[in-house]
């Protein structure tokens, strides 16, 4: 990923920046602290390992059109989530967004601000539409629907975890 395609995106309440390898242990804790997403896949968050997280990170590093952002609280510097973004997926005119905010930080506007930052970065410069990777988790689906995404029920491959996910687009 070139620097142009892996910027730091700063909002009022969060900062998105390419996840550094040193933050992978912290990201594993975020994933383990967000079991509903993995339950929606039919997987378990406590089964994830640091190797799983490293594989997700490595795949993003090797791709020219993908970036794994850490979602950081700007005041504390705490990693509170992740956004895995791939331009050109699932179609050439779209970008796939997979967003996960740590359980204790959900419902505070961080996810909404993440999507707004990603949208302003990508549209219209790189793509015309965003699609999200969702699981069978009603809270996650409801959040995405409130942001304007609609279910397609077309299968999607989650960037981490094992199980069934699907696309939601707007």
C-alpha atoms as a PDB file:
ATOM      1  CA  UNK A   1       0.000   0.000   0.000  1.00  0.00           C
ATOM      2  CA  UNK A   2       1.431   3.364  -0.984  1.00  0.00           C
ATOM      3  CA  UNK A   3       1.442   6.264   1.483  1.00  0.00           C
ATOM      4  CA  UNK A   4      -1.277   7.915  -0.626  1.00  0.00           C
ATOM      5  CA  UNK A   5      -3.469   4.861  -0.041  1.00  0.00           C
ATOM      6  CA  UNK A   6      -2.547   4.458   3.629  1.00  0.00           C
ATOM      7  CA  UNK A   7      -3.055   7.872   5.182  1.00  0.00           C
ATOM      8  CA  UNK A   8      -3.701   8.852   8.760  1.00  0.00           C
ATOM      9  CA  UNK A   9      -7.320   9.967   9.025  1.00  0.00           C
ATOM     10  CA  UNK A  10      -8.077  12.250  11.942  1.00  0.00           C
ATOM     11  CA  UNK A  11     -11.538  12.994  13.241  1.00  0.00           C
ATOM     12  CA  UNK A  12     -12.915  14.750  16.266  1.00  0.00           C
ATOM     13  CA  UNK A  13     -12.907  11.656  18.488  1.00  0.00           C
ATOM     14  CA  UNK A  14     -10.679   9.084  16.773  1.00  0.00           C
ATOM     15  CA  UNK A  15      -7.634   8.673  14.593  1.00  0.00           C
ATOM     16  CA  UNK A  16      -7.321   5.983  11.942  1.00  0.00           C
ATOM     17  CA  UNK A  17      -3.764   5.104  11.034  1.00  0.00           C
ATOM     18  CA  UNK A  18      -2.161   2.067   9.477  1.00  0.00           C
ATOM     19  CA  UNK A  19      -1.761  -0.494  12.243  1.00  0.00           C
ATOM     20  CA  UNK A  20       1.841  -0.939  13.353  1.00  0.00           C
ATOM     21  CA  UNK A  21       3.161  -4.459  13.947  1.00  0.00           C
ATOM     22  CA  UNK A  22       3.942  -3.543  17.571  1.00  0.00           C
ATOM     23  CA  UNK A  23       0.183  -3.059  18.159  1.00  0.00           C
ATOM     24  CA  UNK A  24      -0.802  -6.603  17.139  1.00  0.00           C
ATOM     25  CA  UNK A  25      -0.979  -7.906  20.750  1.00  0.00           C
ATOM     26  CA  UNK A  26      -3.297  -4.998  21.589  1.00  0.00           C
ATOM     27  CA  UNK A  27      -5.446  -5.778  18.545  1.00  0.00           C
ATOM     28  CA  UNK A  28      -5.817  -9.371  19.712  1.00  0.00           C
ATOM     29  CA  UNK A  29      -7.206  -8.035  23.015  1.00  0.00           C
ATOM     30  CA  UNK A  30      -9.650  -5.827  21.100  1.00  0.00           C
ATOM     31  CA  UNK A  31     -10.857  -8.853  19.141  1.00  0.00           C
ATOM     32  CA  UNK A  32     -11.150 -10.977  22.261  1.00  0.00           C
ATOM     33  CA  UNK A  33     -13.112  -8.151  23.923  1.00  0.00           C
ATOM     34  CA  UNK A  34     -15.653  -8.117  21.082  1.00  0.00           C
ATOM     35  CA  UNK A  35     -17.165 -11.603  21.085  1.00  0.00           C
ATOM     36  CA  UNK A  36     -20.504 -10.731  19.429  1.00  0.00           C
ATOM     37  CA  UNK A  37     -18.868 -10.236  16.030  1.00  0.00           C
ATOM     38  CA  UNK A  38     -17.216 -13.633  16.200  1.00  0.00           C
ATOM     39  CA  UNK A  39     -20.395 -15.235  17.586  1.00  0.00           C
ATOM     40  CA  UNK A  40     -22.132 -13.910  14.462  1.00  0.00           C
ATOM     41  CA  UNK A  41     -19.610 -15.819  12.356  1.00  0.00           C
ATOM     42  CA  UNK A  42     -20.265 -18.957  14.331  1.00  0.00           C
ATOM     43  CA  UNK A  43     -16.729 -18.634  15.717  1.00  0.00           C
ATOM     44  CA  UNK A  44     -15.326 -17.779  19.128  1.00  0.00           C
ATOM     45  CA  UNK A  45     -13.145 -14.755  19.870  1.00  0.00           C
ATOM     46  CA  UNK A  46     -11.211 -16.682  22.517  1.00  0.00           C
ATOM     47  CA  UNK A  47      -9.969 -19.054  19.802  1.00  0.00           C
ATOM     48  CA  UNK A  48      -8.093 -16.266  18.014  1.00  0.00           C
ATOM     49  CA  UNK A  49      -4.341 -16.229  18.416  1.00  0.00           C
ATOM     50  CA  UNK A  50      -1.631 -13.681  17.847  1.00  0.00           C
ATOM     51  CA  UNK A  51      -0.710 -15.687  14.728  1.00  0.00           C
ATOM     52  CA  UNK A  52      -4.254 -15.127  13.367  1.00  0.00           C
ATOM     53  CA  UNK A  53      -3.919 -11.384  13.931  1.00  0.00           C
ATOM     54  CA  UNK A  54      -0.429 -11.344  12.396  1.00  0.00           C
ATOM     55  CA  UNK A  55      -1.761 -13.182   9.302  1.00  0.00           C
ATOM     56  CA  UNK A  56      -4.494 -10.549   8.832  1.00  0.00           C
ATOM     57  CA  UNK A  57      -1.909  -7.767   9.240  1.00  0.00           C
ATOM     58  CA  UNK A  58       0.586  -9.449   6.884  1.00  0.00           C
ATOM     59  CA  UNK A  59      -2.023  -9.898   4.151  1.00  0.00           C
ATOM     60  CA  UNK A  60      -2.850  -6.205   4.356  1.00  0.00           C
ATOM     61  CA  UNK A  61       0.854  -5.301   4.151  1.00  0.00           C
ATOM     62  CA  UNK A  62       1.295  -7.428   1.029  1.00  0.00           C
ATOM     63  CA  UNK A  63      -1.670  -5.934  -0.824  1.00  0.00           C
ATOM     64  CA  UNK A  64      -1.437  -2.743  -2.880  1.00  0.00           C
ATOM     65  CA  UNK A  65      -5.139  -1.997  -2.435  1.00  0.00           C
ATOM     66  CA  UNK A  66      -5.715  -2.877   1.213  1.00  0.00           C
ATOM     67  CA  UNK A  67      -4.938  -1.216   4.526  1.00  0.00           C
ATOM     68  CA  UNK A  68      -5.544  -2.416   8.072  1.00  0.00           C
ATOM     69  CA  UNK A  69      -6.174   0.681  10.156  1.00  0.00           C
ATOM     70  CA  UNK A  70      -5.954   0.832  13.897  1.00  0.00           C
ATOM     71  CA  UNK A  71      -8.695   2.959  15.455  1.00  0.00           C
ATOM     72  CA  UNK A  72      -7.012   5.023  18.152  1.00  0.00           C
ATOM     73  CA  UNK A  73      -8.423   7.295  20.828  1.00  0.00           C
ATOM     74  CA  UNK A  74      -6.434  10.495  20.206  1.00  0.00           C
ATOM     75  CA  UNK A  75      -6.247  11.651  23.835  1.00  0.00           C
ATOM     76  CA  UNK A  76      -5.166   8.367  25.413  1.00  0.00           C
ATOM     77  CA  UNK A  77      -3.515   6.749  22.378  1.00  0.00           C
ATOM     78  CA  UNK A  78      -5.470   3.582  23.192  1.00  0.00           C
ATOM     79  CA  UNK A  79      -6.252   1.173  20.357  1.00  0.00           C
ATOM     80  CA  UNK A  80     -10.043   0.824  20.440  1.00  0.00           C
ATOM     81  CA  UNK A  81     -10.756  -0.936  17.162  1.00  0.00           C
ATOM     82  CA  UNK A  82      -9.740  -1.858  13.651  1.00  0.00           C
ATOM     83  CA  UNK A  83     -10.892  -1.067  10.132  1.00  0.00           C
ATOM     84  CA  UNK A  84      -9.739  -3.353   7.340  1.00  0.00           C
ATOM     85  CA  UNK A  85     -10.316  -1.573   4.011  1.00  0.00           C
ATOM     86  CA  UNK A  86      -9.825  -3.046   0.545  1.00  0.00           C
ATOM     87  CA  UNK A  87     -10.293  -0.947  -2.571  1.00  0.00           C
ATOM     88  CA  UNK A  88     -11.821  -2.809  -5.502  1.00  0.00           C
ATOM     89  CA  UNK A  89     -13.745  -5.358  -3.458  1.00  0.00           C
ATOM     90  CA  UNK A  90     -16.261  -6.820  -3.887  1.00  0.00           C
ATOM     91  CA  UNK A  91     -16.394  -4.970  -7.260  1.00  0.00           C
ATOM     92  CA  UNK A  92     -13.972  -2.626  -9.001  1.00  0.00           C
ATOM     93  CA  UNK A  93     -16.064   0.475  -8.165  1.00  0.00           C
ATOM     94  CA  UNK A  94     -16.434  -0.355  -4.459  1.00  0.00           C
ATOM     95  CA  UNK A  95     -14.354  -0.587  -1.327  1.00  0.00           C
ATOM     96  CA  UNK A  96     -14.856  -3.266   1.274  1.00  0.00           C
ATOM     97  CA  UNK A  97     -14.897  -2.035   4.852  1.00  0.00           C
ATOM     98  CA  UNK A  98     -14.678  -4.317   7.842  1.00  0.00           C
ATOM     99  CA  UNK A  99     -15.010  -2.333  11.057  1.00  0.00           C
ATOM    100  CA  UNK A 100     -14.804  -3.531  14.631  1.00  0.00           C
ATOM    101  CA  UNK A 101     -14.886  -1.301  17.706  1.00  0.00           C
ATOM    102  CA  UNK A 102     -13.910  -2.801  21.072  1.00  0.00           C
ATOM    103  CA  UNK A 103     -17.002  -3.741  23.086  1.00  0.00           C
ATOM    104  CA  UNK A 104     -16.614  -1.122  25.826  1.00  0.00           C
ATOM    105  CA  UNK A 105     -16.245   1.661  23.252  1.00  0.00           C
ATOM    106  CA  UNK A 106     -19.293   0.778  21.175  1.00  0.00           C
ATOM    107  CA  UNK A 107     -22.355   3.059  21.063  1.00  0.00           C
ATOM    108  CA  UNK A 108     -20.294   6.180  21.620  1.00  0.00           C
ATOM    109  CA  UNK A 109     -20.050   7.398  18.004  1.00  0.00           C
ATOM    110  CA  UNK A 110     -16.586   5.986  17.256  1.00  0.00           C
ATOM    111  CA  UNK A 111     -17.817   3.558  14.577  1.00  0.00           C
ATOM    112  CA  UNK A 112     -19.912   6.244  12.925  1.00  0.00           C
ATOM    113  CA  UNK A 113     -16.932   8.592  12.818  1.00  0.00           C
ATOM    114  CA  UNK A 114     -14.729   5.800  11.396  1.00  0.00           C
ATOM    115  CA  UNK A 115     -17.110   5.234   8.508  1.00  0.00           C
ATOM    116  CA  UNK A 116     -17.392   8.981   7.845  1.00  0.00           C
ATOM    117  CA  UNK A 117     -13.593   9.311   7.710  1.00  0.00           C
ATOM    118  CA  UNK A 118     -13.262   6.300   5.418  1.00  0.00           C
ATOM    119  CA  UNK A 119     -16.012   7.603   3.151  1.00  0.00           C
ATOM    120  CA  UNK A 120     -14.456  11.069   2.860  1.00  0.00           C
ATOM    121  CA  UNK A 121     -11.062   9.514   2.056  1.00  0.00           C
ATOM    122  CA  UNK A 122     -12.300   7.056  -0.591  1.00  0.00           C
ATOM    123  CA  UNK A 123     -15.293   8.693  -2.307  1.00  0.00           C
ATOM    124  CA  UNK A 124     -15.102   9.855  -5.072  1.00  0.00           C
ATOM    125  CA  UNK A 125     -11.314   9.672  -5.492  1.00  0.00           C
ATOM    126  CA  UNK A 126     -11.013   5.865  -5.447  1.00  0.00           C
ATOM    127  CA  UNK A 127     -14.509   4.333  -5.483  1.00  0.00           C
ATOM    128  CA  UNK A 128     -18.196   5.245  -5.772  1.00  0.00           C
ATOM    129  CA  UNK A 129     -19.665   2.860  -3.185  1.00  0.00           C
ATOM    130  CA  UNK A 130     -18.773   1.327   0.160  1.00  0.00           C
ATOM    131  CA  UNK A 131     -19.654  -2.233   1.107  1.00  0.00           C
ATOM    132  CA  UNK A 132     -19.320  -3.633   4.590  1.00  0.00           C
ATOM    133  CA  UNK A 133     -18.549  -7.134   5.726  1.00  0.00           C
ATOM    134  CA  UNK A 134     -21.230  -8.143   8.219  1.00  0.00           C
ATOM    135  CA  UNK A 135     -22.012 -11.199  10.319  1.00  0.00           C
ATOM    136  CA  UNK A 136     -25.239 -12.594  11.683  1.00  0.00           C
ATOM    137  CA  UNK A 137     -25.107 -10.211  14.637  1.00  0.00           C
ATOM    138  CA  UNK A 138     -28.200  -8.034  14.994  1.00  0.00           C
ATOM    139  CA  UNK A 139     -26.344  -5.185  16.735  1.00  0.00           C
ATOM    140  CA  UNK A 140     -23.777  -4.996  13.944  1.00  0.00           C
ATOM    141  CA  UNK A 141     -26.429  -5.199  11.237  1.00  0.00           C
ATOM    142  CA  UNK A 142     -28.481  -2.491  12.938  1.00  0.00           C
ATOM    143  CA  UNK A 143     -25.421  -0.214  13.178  1.00  0.00           C
ATOM    144  CA  UNK A 144     -24.649  -0.648   9.473  1.00  0.00           C
ATOM    145  CA  UNK A 145     -28.295  -0.086   8.494  1.00  0.00           C
ATOM    146  CA  UNK A 146     -28.319   3.176  10.478  1.00  0.00           C
ATOM    147  CA  UNK A 147     -25.294   4.244   8.393  1.00  0.00           C
ATOM    148  CA  UNK A 148     -27.226   3.584   5.167  1.00  0.00           C
ATOM    149  CA  UNK A 149     -25.990   0.074   4.331  1.00  0.00           C
ATOM    150  CA  UNK A 150     -28.455  -2.558   3.108  1.00  0.00           C
ATOM    151  CA  UNK A 151     -28.195  -6.347   3.265  1.00  0.00           C
ATOM    152  CA  UNK A 152     -27.320  -8.199   0.095  1.00  0.00           C
ATOM    153  CA  UNK A 153     -26.994 -11.673   1.645  1.00  0.00           C
ATOM    154  CA  UNK A 154     -24.155 -12.338  -0.809  1.00  0.00           C
ATOM    155  CA  UNK A 155     -21.401 -14.246   1.004  1.00  0.00           C
ATOM    156  CA  UNK A 156     -18.244 -12.390   2.016  1.00  0.00           C
ATOM    157  CA  UNK A 157     -14.995 -13.665   3.444  1.00  0.00           C
ATOM    158  CA  UNK A 158     -14.161 -12.117   6.833  1.00  0.00           C
ATOM    159  CA  UNK A 159     -10.599 -10.754   7.128  1.00  0.00           C
ATOM    160  CA  UNK A 160     -10.200 -12.533  10.466  1.00  0.00           C
ATOM    161  CA  UNK A 161     -12.158 -15.320  12.074  1.00  0.00           C
ATOM    162  CA  UNK A 162     -13.706 -18.380  10.584  1.00  0.00           C
ATOM    163  CA  UNK A 163     -17.314 -18.551   9.558  1.00  0.00           C
ATOM    164  CA  UNK A 164     -20.009 -17.026   7.393  1.00  0.00           C
ATOM    165  CA  UNK A 165     -20.162 -13.313   6.690  1.00  0.00           C
ATOM    166  CA  UNK A 166     -22.101 -11.371   4.034  1.00  0.00           C
ATOM    167  CA  UNK A 167     -21.991  -8.063   2.188  1.00  0.00           C
ATOM    168  CA  UNK A 168     -23.980  -4.965   3.035  1.00  0.00           C
ATOM    169  CA  UNK A 169     -23.677  -2.032   0.590  1.00  0.00           C
ATOM    170  CA  UNK A 170     -24.983   1.491   0.128  1.00  0.00           C
END
